[in-house]
């Protein structure tokens, strides 16, 4: 399940206040259209109806692909300045405080070891990389790749998939104060 909620935010360029959807997590197996929106830099993006400028909403975001069995967790780089940020991690970078039932933990250890990134464009590039692996890796071409999410652990009676309850993070968001019109993947050199 993807977790997002509308928030009233103020445009950092003109001050216009409007409702904007802010996602805490996206599950692209359940909501495949959100993958397309992420790659197009449309997730957690404030698109001002008044001045037309776009600003990235610097909120933590979890990307979860149950079919390919990987997670990518974006944190704002400023998180590294807070000593408490490191508390939920083990020394190997895995998450230490997750309550994952044993049956699920055995077949989906990837959940406790998300790929951590501190730049949203790195999240997008990693998703593209993993898609490329799924399409082009020799094991995938021979049909040896995984096609079902963690052996049905989240398969619902109607045949759909769900991870409801496993990634309910507190949503925090920070408005982008950058005055340029660049997207999250664009950087000035």
Foldseek 3Di string as FASTA:
>chain_A
DWDKDWDFDADLAPRDTDIDIATAEDECQQVVVVLVCLLVLNHQWDQDPPPRFIWHWQKWYWYHYLQQQAIEIEHAPCLVVDPCSCVQADPVGFGNDFDDDPVQCVQRVNVRRHHYDNASVVVSVVVVVSVCCCPPPPCNVVVNHGGGGSVCPQQDPVRGGDPPPRRDDDIDIDIDNDNDRDGSNDDDD
